[in-house]
Amino acid sequence: MSAPLRICYLLMSTELCGGVRIVFDQARFLGQLGHHVEIRAVMGTHDWYPHPLRVRYLPQLDAPFATGEFPDAVIATF
């Protein structure tokens, strides 16, 4: 396998719904393949999801990479 990718999903909310569940499952499976995956969201809770995930909550999503550390892929879904 080539070098692992740094992947970031952007969500408005992490509350339980079908679309969020799909994002969480994709993030988990990509992580199992060795990629570094993070989910960034504005609101919600992810305690309903039974698997560990890296979720960071931000006050807004318009500048989620202010530190200058950019992922290889960003997936924004609303």
PDB file of N, CA and C in Angstrom:
ATOM      1  N   MET A   1       0.855  -1.191   0.000  1.00  0.00           N
ATOM      2  CA  MET A   1       0.000   0.000   0.000  1.00  0.00           C
ATOM      3  C   MET A   1       0.886   1.236   0.000  1.00  0.00           C
ATOM      4  N   SER A   2       0.456   2.254  -0.689  1.00  0.00           N
ATOM      5  CA  SER A   2       1.186   3.513  -0.703  1.00  0.00           C
ATOM      6  C   SER A   2       1.020   4.218   0.647  1.00  0.00           C
ATOM      7  N   ALA A   3       1.625   5.375   0.758  1.00  0.00           N
ATOM      8  CA  ALA A   3       1.569   6.131   2.019  1.00  0.00           C
ATOM      9  C   ALA A   3       0.123   6.416   2.407  1.00  0.00           C
ATOM     10  N   PRO A   4      -0.182   6.365   3.698  1.00  0.00           N
ATOM     11  CA  PRO A   4      -1.552   6.648   4.134  1.00  0.00           C
ATOM     12  C   PRO A   4      -1.948   8.098   3.837  1.00  0.00           C
ATOM     13  N   LEU A   5      -3.201   8.281   3.513  1.00  0.00           N
ATOM     14  CA  LEU A   5      -3.741   9.611   3.245  1.00  0.00           C
ATOM     15  C   LEU A   5      -4.227  10.258   4.531  1.00  0.00           C
ATOM     16  N   ARG A   6      -4.197  11.581   4.572  1.00  0.00           N
ATOM     17  CA  ARG A   6      -4.828  12.355   5.641  1.00  0.00           C
ATOM     18  C   ARG A   6      -6.154  12.849   5.083  1.00  0.00           C
ATOM     19  N   ILE A   7      -7.247  12.360   5.655  1.00  0.00           N
ATOM     20  CA  ILE A   7      -8.587  12.629   5.140  1.00  0.00           C
ATOM     21  C   ILE A   7      -9.404  13.334   6.214  1.00  0.00           C
ATOM     22  N   CYS A   8     -10.150  14.348   5.811  1.00  0.00           N
ATOM     23  CA  CYS A   8     -10.992  15.082   6.748  1.00  0.00           C
ATOM     24  C   CYS A   8     -12.414  15.189   6.191  1.00  0.00           C
ATOM     25  N   TYR A   9     -13.373  14.782   6.996  1.00  0.00           N
ATOM     26  CA  TYR A   9     -14.786  14.970   6.685  1.00  0.00           C
ATOM     27  C   TYR A   9     -15.273  16.215   7.420  1.00  0.00           C
ATOM     28  N   LEU A  10     -16.069  17.048   6.745  1.00  0.00           N
ATOM     29  CA  LEU A  10     -16.674  18.221   7.358  1.00  0.00           C
ATOM     30  C   LEU A  10     -18.180  18.006   7.458  1.00  0.00           C
ATOM     31  N   LEU A  11     -18.712  18.153   8.662  1.00  0.00           N
ATOM     32  CA  LEU A  11     -20.146  17.996   8.904  1.00  0.00           C
ATOM     33  C   LEU A  11     -20.666  19.183   9.699  1.00  0.00           C
ATOM     34  N   MET A  12     -21.888  19.566   9.444  1.00  0.00           N
ATOM     35  CA  MET A  12     -22.508  20.597  10.270  1.00  0.00           C
ATOM     36  C   MET A  12     -22.859  20.013  11.638  1.00  0.00           C
ATOM     37  N   SER A  13     -23.377  18.781  11.649  1.00  0.00           N
ATOM     38  CA  SER A  13     -23.803  18.158  12.896  1.00  0.00           C
ATOM     39  C   SER A  13     -23.432  16.676  12.894  1.00  0.00           C
ATOM     40  N   THR A  14     -23.180  16.150  14.073  1.00  0.00           N
ATOM     41  CA  THR A  14     -22.900  14.725  14.219  1.00  0.00           C
ATOM     42  C   THR A  14     -24.060  13.990  14.884  1.00  0.00           C
ATOM     43  N   GLU A  15     -25.228  14.617  14.935  1.00  0.00           N
ATOM     44  CA  GLU A  15     -26.394  13.941  15.493  1.00  0.00           C
ATOM     45  C   GLU A  15     -26.743  12.732  14.628  1.00  0.00           C
ATOM     46  N   LEU A  16     -27.338  11.745  15.239  1.00  0.00           N
ATOM     47  CA  LEU A  16     -27.679  10.502  14.558  1.00  0.00           C
ATOM     48  C   LEU A  16     -28.658  10.738  13.417  1.00  0.00           C
ATOM     49  N   CYS A  17     -28.222  10.392  12.220  1.00  0.00           N
ATOM     50  CA  CYS A  17     -29.080  10.342  11.042  1.00  0.00           C
ATOM     51  C   CYS A  17     -28.351   9.483  10.020  1.00  0.00           C
ATOM     52  N   GLY A  18     -29.047   9.074   8.984  1.00  0.00           N
ATOM     53  CA  GLY A  18     -28.464   8.154   8.014  1.00  0.00           C
ATOM     54  C   GLY A  18     -27.193   8.655   7.359  1.00  0.00           C
ATOM     55  N   GLY A  19     -27.173   9.923   6.960  1.00  0.00           N
ATOM     56  CA  GLY A  19     -25.991  10.468   6.298  1.00  0.00           C
ATOM     57  C   GLY A  19     -24.782  10.526   7.209  1.00  0.00           C
ATOM     58  N   VAL A  20     -24.992  10.871   8.447  1.00  0.00           N
ATOM     59  CA  VAL A  20     -23.882  10.937   9.403  1.00  0.00           C
ATOM     60  C   VAL A  20     -23.370   9.532   9.695  1.00  0.00           C
ATOM     61  N   ARG A  21     -24.248   8.582   9.812  1.00  0.00           N
ATOM     62  CA  ARG A  21     -23.838   7.192  10.043  1.00  0.00           C
ATOM     63  C   ARG A  21     -22.947   6.708   8.903  1.00  0.00           C
ATOM     64  N   ILE A  22     -23.291   7.059   7.668  1.00  0.00           N
ATOM     65  CA  ILE A  22     -22.478   6.669   6.517  1.00  0.00           C
ATOM     66  C   ILE A  22     -21.093   7.300   6.595  1.00  0.00           C
ATOM     67  N   VAL A  23     -21.016   8.590   6.931  1.00  0.00           N
ATOM     68  CA  VAL A  23     -19.727   9.270   7.087  1.00  0.00           C
ATOM     69  C   VAL A  23     -18.897   8.575   8.162  1.00  0.00           C
ATOM     70  N   PHE A  24     -19.514   8.281   9.296  1.00  0.00           N
ATOM     71  CA  PHE A  24     -18.788   7.634  10.385  1.00  0.00           C
ATOM     72  C   PHE A  24     -18.273   6.261   9.963  1.00  0.00           C
ATOM     73  N   ASP A  25     -19.110   5.485   9.271  1.00  0.00           N
ATOM     74  CA  ASP A  25     -18.679   4.163   8.815  1.00  0.00           C
ATOM     75  C   ASP A  25     -17.541   4.267   7.805  1.00  0.00           C
ATOM     76  N   GLN A  26     -17.652   5.205   6.871  1.00  0.00           N
ATOM     77  CA  GLN A  26     -16.573   5.399   5.900  1.00  0.00           C
ATOM     78  C   GLN A  26     -15.283   5.790   6.600  1.00  0.00           C
ATOM     79  N   ALA A  27     -15.368   6.714   7.554  1.00  0.00           N
ATOM     80  CA  ALA A  27     -14.182   7.151   8.292  1.00  0.00           C
ATOM     81  C   ALA A  27     -13.551   5.980   9.045  1.00  0.00           C
ATOM     82  N   ARG A  28     -14.370   5.168   9.660  1.00  0.00           N
ATOM     83  CA  ARG A  28     -13.854   4.015  10.404  1.00  0.00           C
ATOM     84  C   ARG A  28     -13.163   3.022   9.469  1.00  0.00           C
ATOM     85  N   PHE A  29     -13.781   2.715   8.345  1.00  0.00           N
ATOM     86  CA  PHE A  29     -13.192   1.762   7.407  1.00  0.00           C
ATOM     87  C   PHE A  29     -11.904   2.300   6.788  1.00  0.00           C
ATOM     88  N   LEU A  30     -11.875   3.581   6.451  1.00  0.00           N
ATOM     89  CA  LEU A  30     -10.642   4.173   5.924  1.00  0.00           C
ATOM     90  C   LEU A  30      -9.527   4.134   6.971  1.00  0.00           C
ATOM     91  N   GLY A  31      -9.885   4.370   8.228  1.00  0.00           N
ATOM     92  CA  GLY A  31      -8.911   4.264   9.306  1.00  0.00           C
ATOM     93  C   GLY A  31      -8.379   2.853   9.452  1.00  0.00           C
ATOM     94  N   GLN A  32      -9.232   1.863   9.270  1.00  0.00           N
ATOM     95  CA  GLN A  32      -8.808   0.465   9.349  1.00  0.00           C
ATOM     96  C   GLN A  32      -7.844   0.115   8.217  1.00  0.00           C
ATOM     97  N   LEU A  33      -7.917   0.852   7.113  1.00  0.00           N
ATOM     98  CA  LEU A  33      -6.989   0.646   6.003  1.00  0.00           C
ATOM     99  C   LEU A  33      -5.660   1.360   6.221  1.00  0.00           C
ATOM    100  N   GLY A  34      -5.549   2.089   7.332  1.00  0.00           N
ATOM    101  CA  GLY A  34      -4.295   2.757   7.664  1.00  0.00           C
ATOM    102  C   GLY A  34      -4.253   4.240   7.389  1.00  0.00           C
ATOM    103  N   HIS A  35      -5.346   4.815   6.924  1.00  0.00           N
ATOM    104  CA  HIS A  35      -5.381   6.251   6.654  1.00  0.00           C
ATOM    105  C   HIS A  35      -5.672   7.023   7.945  1.00  0.00           C
ATOM    106  N   HIS A  36      -5.213   8.257   8.005  1.00  0.00           N
ATOM    107  CA  HIS A  36      -5.474   9.130   9.147  1.00  0.00           C
ATOM    108  C   HIS A  36      -6.746   9.916   8.814  1.00  0.00           C
ATOM    109  N   VAL A  37      -7.824   9.633   9.545  1.00  0.00           N
ATOM    110  CA  VAL A  37      -9.126  10.234   9.234  1.00  0.00           C
ATOM    111  C   VAL A  37      -9.625  11.024  10.436  1.00  0.00           C
ATOM    112  N   GLU A  38     -10.074  12.245  10.158  1.00  0.00           N
ATOM    113  CA  GLU A  38     -10.656  13.087  11.197  1.00  0.00           C
ATOM    114  C   GLU A  38     -11.989  13.629  10.688  1.00  0.00           C
ATOM    115  N   ILE A  39     -12.932  13.761  11.599  1.00  0.00           N
ATOM    116  CA  ILE A  39     -14.224  14.379  11.289  1.00  0.00           C
ATOM    117  C   ILE A  39     -14.277  15.699  12.042  1.00  0.00           C
ATOM    118  N   ARG A  40     -14.621  16.751  11.342  1.00  0.00           N
ATOM    119  CA  ARG A  40     -14.785  18.064  11.980  1.00  0.00           C
ATOM    120  C   ARG A  40     -16.232  18.485  11.830  1.00  0.00           C
ATOM    121  N   ALA A  41     -16.803  18.960  12.928  1.00  0.00           N
ATOM    122  CA  ALA A  41     -18.225  19.320  12.935  1.00  0.00           C
ATOM    123  C   ALA A  41     -18.450  20.552  13.792  1.00  0.00           C
ATOM    124  N   VAL A  42     -19.592  21.204  13.567  1.00  0.00           N
ATOM    125  CA  VAL A  42     -19.956  22.396  14.325  1.00  0.00           C
ATOM    126  C   VAL A  42     -20.722  22.033  15.592  1.00  0.00           C
ATOM    127  N   MET A  43     -21.614  21.058  15.491  1.00  0.00           N
ATOM    128  CA  MET A  43     -22.449  20.744  16.652  1.00  0.00           C
ATOM    129  C   MET A  43     -22.798  19.261  16.664  1.00  0.00           C
ATOM    130  N   GLY A  44     -23.413  18.864  17.745  1.00  0.00           N
ATOM    131  CA  GLY A  44     -23.891  17.495  17.857  1.00  0.00           C
ATOM    132  C   GLY A  44     -23.122  16.712  18.900  1.00  0.00           C
ATOM    133  N   THR A  45     -23.374  15.437  18.884  1.00  0.00           N
ATOM    134  CA  THR A  45     -22.677  14.508  19.757  1.00  0.00           C
ATOM    135  C   THR A  45     -22.519  13.207  19.001  1.00  0.00           C
ATOM    136  N   HIS A  46     -21.438  12.541  19.219  1.00  0.00           N
ATOM    137  CA  HIS A  46     -21.212  11.272  18.525  1.00  0.00           C
ATOM    138  C   HIS A  46     -21.160  10.101  19.503  1.00  0.00           C
ATOM    139  N   ASP A  47     -21.702  10.292  20.690  1.00  0.00           N
ATOM    140  CA  ASP A  47     -21.668   9.213  21.686  1.00  0.00           C
ATOM    141  C   ASP A  47     -22.590   8.050  21.313  1.00  0.00           C
ATOM    142  N   TRP A  48     -23.442   8.208  20.335  1.00  0.00           N
ATOM    143  CA  TRP A  48     -24.324   7.141  19.868  1.00  0.00           C
ATOM    144  C   TRP A  48     -23.574   6.131  19.002  1.00  0.00           C
ATOM    145  N   TYR A  49     -22.418   6.526  18.461  1.00  0.00           N
ATOM    146  CA  TYR A  49     -21.675   5.647  17.554  1.00  0.00           C
ATOM    147  C   TYR A  49     -20.834   4.666  18.365  1.00  0.00           C
ATOM    148  N   PRO A  50     -20.954   3.371  18.105  1.00  0.00           N
ATOM    149  CA  PRO A  50     -20.326   2.376  18.975  1.00  0.00           C
ATOM    150  C   PRO A  50     -18.825   2.174  18.779  1.00  0.00           C
ATOM    151  N   HIS A  51     -18.205   2.862  17.811  1.00  0.00           N
ATOM    152  CA  HIS A  51     -16.784   2.660  17.533  1.00  0.00           C
ATOM    153  C   HIS A  51     -16.019   3.965  17.784  1.00  0.00           C
ATOM    154  N   PRO A  52     -14.760   3.869  18.154  1.00  0.00           N
ATOM    155  CA  PRO A  52     -13.980   5.098  18.385  1.00  0.00           C
ATOM    156  C   PRO A  52     -13.717   5.844  17.072  1.00  0.00           C
ATOM    157  N   LEU A  53     -13.853   7.149  17.135  1.00  0.00           N
ATOM    158  CA  LEU A  53     -13.600   8.027  15.996  1.00  0.00           C
ATOM    159  C   LEU A  53     -12.864   9.271  16.469  1.00  0.00           C
ATOM    160  N   ARG A  54     -12.162   9.893  15.556  1.00  0.00           N
ATOM    161  CA  ARG A  54     -11.524  11.170  15.855  1.00  0.00           C
ATOM    162  C   ARG A  54     -12.453  12.272  15.353  1.00  0.00           C
ATOM    163  N   VAL A  55     -13.139  12.942  16.296  1.00  0.00           N
ATOM    164  CA  VAL A  55     -14.076  14.013  15.947  1.00  0.00           C
ATOM    165  C   VAL A  55     -13.634  15.283  16.663  1.00  0.00           C
ATOM    166  N   ARG A  56     -13.525  16.355  15.916  1.00  0.00           N
ATOM    167  CA  ARG A  56     -13.169  17.660  16.491  1.00  0.00           C
ATOM    168  C   ARG A  56     -14.320  18.624  16.217  1.00  0.00           C
ATOM    169  N   TYR A  57     -14.792  19.290  17.278  1.00  0.00           N
ATOM    170  CA  TYR A  57     -15.887  20.253  17.144  1.00  0.00           C
ATOM    171  C   TYR A  57     -15.308  21.656  17.065  1.00  0.00           C
ATOM    172  N   LEU A  58     -15.772  22.409  16.079  1.00  0.00           N
ATOM    173  CA  LEU A  58     -15.306  23.773  15.834  1.00  0.00           C
ATOM    174  C   LEU A  58     -16.495  24.721  15.847  1.00  0.00           C
ATOM    175  N   PRO A  59     -16.289  26.008  16.161  1.00  0.00           N
ATOM    176  CA  PRO A  59     -17.406  26.947  16.166  1.00  0.00           C
ATOM    177  C   PRO A  59     -17.973  27.218  14.766  1.00  0.00           C
ATOM    178  N   GLN A  60     -17.168  27.022  13.718  1.00  0.00           N
ATOM    179  CA  GLN A  60     -17.627  27.218  12.349  1.00  0.00           C
ATOM    180  C   GLN A  60     -16.710  26.440  11.414  1.00  0.00           C
ATOM    181  N   LEU A  61     -17.197  26.163  10.217  1.00  0.00           N
ATOM    182  CA  LEU A  61     -16.423  25.353   9.278  1.00  0.00           C
ATOM    183  C   LEU A  61     -15.791  26.156   8.152  1.00  0.00           C
ATOM    184  N   ASP A  62     -15.883  27.468   8.177  1.00  0.00           N
ATOM    185  CA  ASP A  62     -15.369  28.239   7.051  1.00  0.00           C
ATOM    186  C   ASP A  62     -13.841  28.293   7.006  1.00  0.00           C
ATOM    187  N   ALA A  63     -13.171  28.002   8.093  1.00  0.00           N
ATOM    188  CA  ALA A  63     -11.703  27.973   8.097  1.00  0.00           C
ATOM    189  C   ALA A  63     -11.216  26.839   9.003  1.00  0.00           C
ATOM    190  N   PRO A  64     -11.528  25.594   8.650  1.00  0.00           N
ATOM    191  CA  PRO A  64     -11.196  24.480   9.547  1.00  0.00           C
ATOM    192  C   PRO A  64      -9.715  24.130   9.594  1.00  0.00           C
ATOM    193  N   PHE A  65      -8.897  24.713   8.736  1.00  0.00           N
ATOM    194  CA  PHE A  65      -7.479  24.373   8.716  1.00  0.00           C
ATOM    195  C   PHE A  65      -6.615  25.601   8.960  1.00  0.00           C
ATOM    196  N   ALA A  66      -6.992  26.366   9.961  1.00  0.00           N
ATOM    197  CA  ALA A  66      -6.295  27.617  10.270  1.00  0.00           C
ATOM    198  C   ALA A  66      -4.849  27.379  10.700  1.00  0.00           C
ATOM    199  N   THR A  67      -4.539  26.201  11.191  1.00  0.00           N
ATOM    200  CA  THR A  67      -3.174  25.917  11.652  1.00  0.00           C
ATOM    201  C   THR A  67      -2.219  25.738  10.483  1.00  0.00           C
ATOM    202  N   GLY A  68      -2.739  25.640   9.270  1.00  0.00           N
ATOM    203  CA  GLY A  68      -1.886  25.460   8.105  1.00  0.00           C
ATOM    204  C   GLY A  68      -1.617  24.010   7.778  1.00  0.00           C
ATOM    205  N   GLU A  69      -2.142  23.098   8.551  1.00  0.00           N
ATOM    206  CA  GLU A  69      -1.971  21.676   8.292  1.00  0.00           C
ATOM    207  C   GLU A  69      -3.155  21.198   7.443  1.00  0.00           C
ATOM    208  N   PHE A  70      -2.900  20.944   6.183  1.00  0.00           N
ATOM    209  CA  PHE A  70      -3.966  20.597   5.261  1.00  0.00           C
ATOM    210  C   PHE A  70      -3.994  19.092   4.997  1.00  0.00           C
ATOM    211  N   PRO A  71      -5.186  18.503   4.965  1.00  0.00           N
ATOM    212  CA  PRO A  71      -5.289  17.085   4.643  1.00  0.00           C
ATOM    213  C   PRO A  71      -5.093  16.856   3.140  1.00  0.00           C
ATOM    214  N   ASP A  72      -4.928  15.610   2.770  1.00  0.00           N
ATOM    215  CA  ASP A  72      -4.833  15.251   1.358  1.00  0.00           C
ATOM    216  C   ASP A  72      -6.198  15.296   0.674  1.00  0.00           C
ATOM    217  N   ALA A  73      -7.246  15.015   1.430  1.00  0.00           N
ATOM    218  CA  ALA A  73      -8.604  15.020   0.881  1.00  0.00           C
ATOM    219  C   ALA A  73      -9.569  15.588   1.915  1.00  0.00           C
ATOM    220  N   VAL A  74     -10.481  16.428   1.454  1.00  0.00           N
ATOM    221  CA  VAL A  74     -11.533  16.987   2.307  1.00  0.00           C
ATOM    222  C   VAL A  74     -12.867  16.608   1.677  1.00  0.00           C
ATOM    223  N   ILE A  75     -13.751  16.048   2.497  1.00  0.00           N
ATOM    224  CA  ILE A  75     -15.081  15.646   2.036  1.00  0.00           C
ATOM    225  C   ILE A  75     -16.092  16.428   2.853  1.00  0.00           C
ATOM    226  N   ALA A  76     -16.774  17.353   2.207  1.00  0.00           N
ATOM    227  CA  ALA A  76     -17.777  18.177   2.894  1.00  0.00           C
ATOM    228  C   ALA A  76     -19.159  17.722   2.456  1.00  0.00           C
ATOM    229  N   THR A  77     -20.002  17.429   3.417  1.00  0.00           N
ATOM    230  CA  THR A  77     -21.352  16.981   3.109  1.00  0.00           C
ATOM    231  C   THR A  77     -22.342  17.665   4.025  1.00  0.00           C
ATOM    232  N   PHE A  78     -23.404  18.204   3.443  1.00  0.00           N
ATOM    233  CA  PHE A  78     -24.397  18.921   4.216  1.00  0.00           C
ATOM    234  C   PHE A  78     -25.780  18.519   3.763  1.00  0.00           C
TER     235      PHE A  78
END
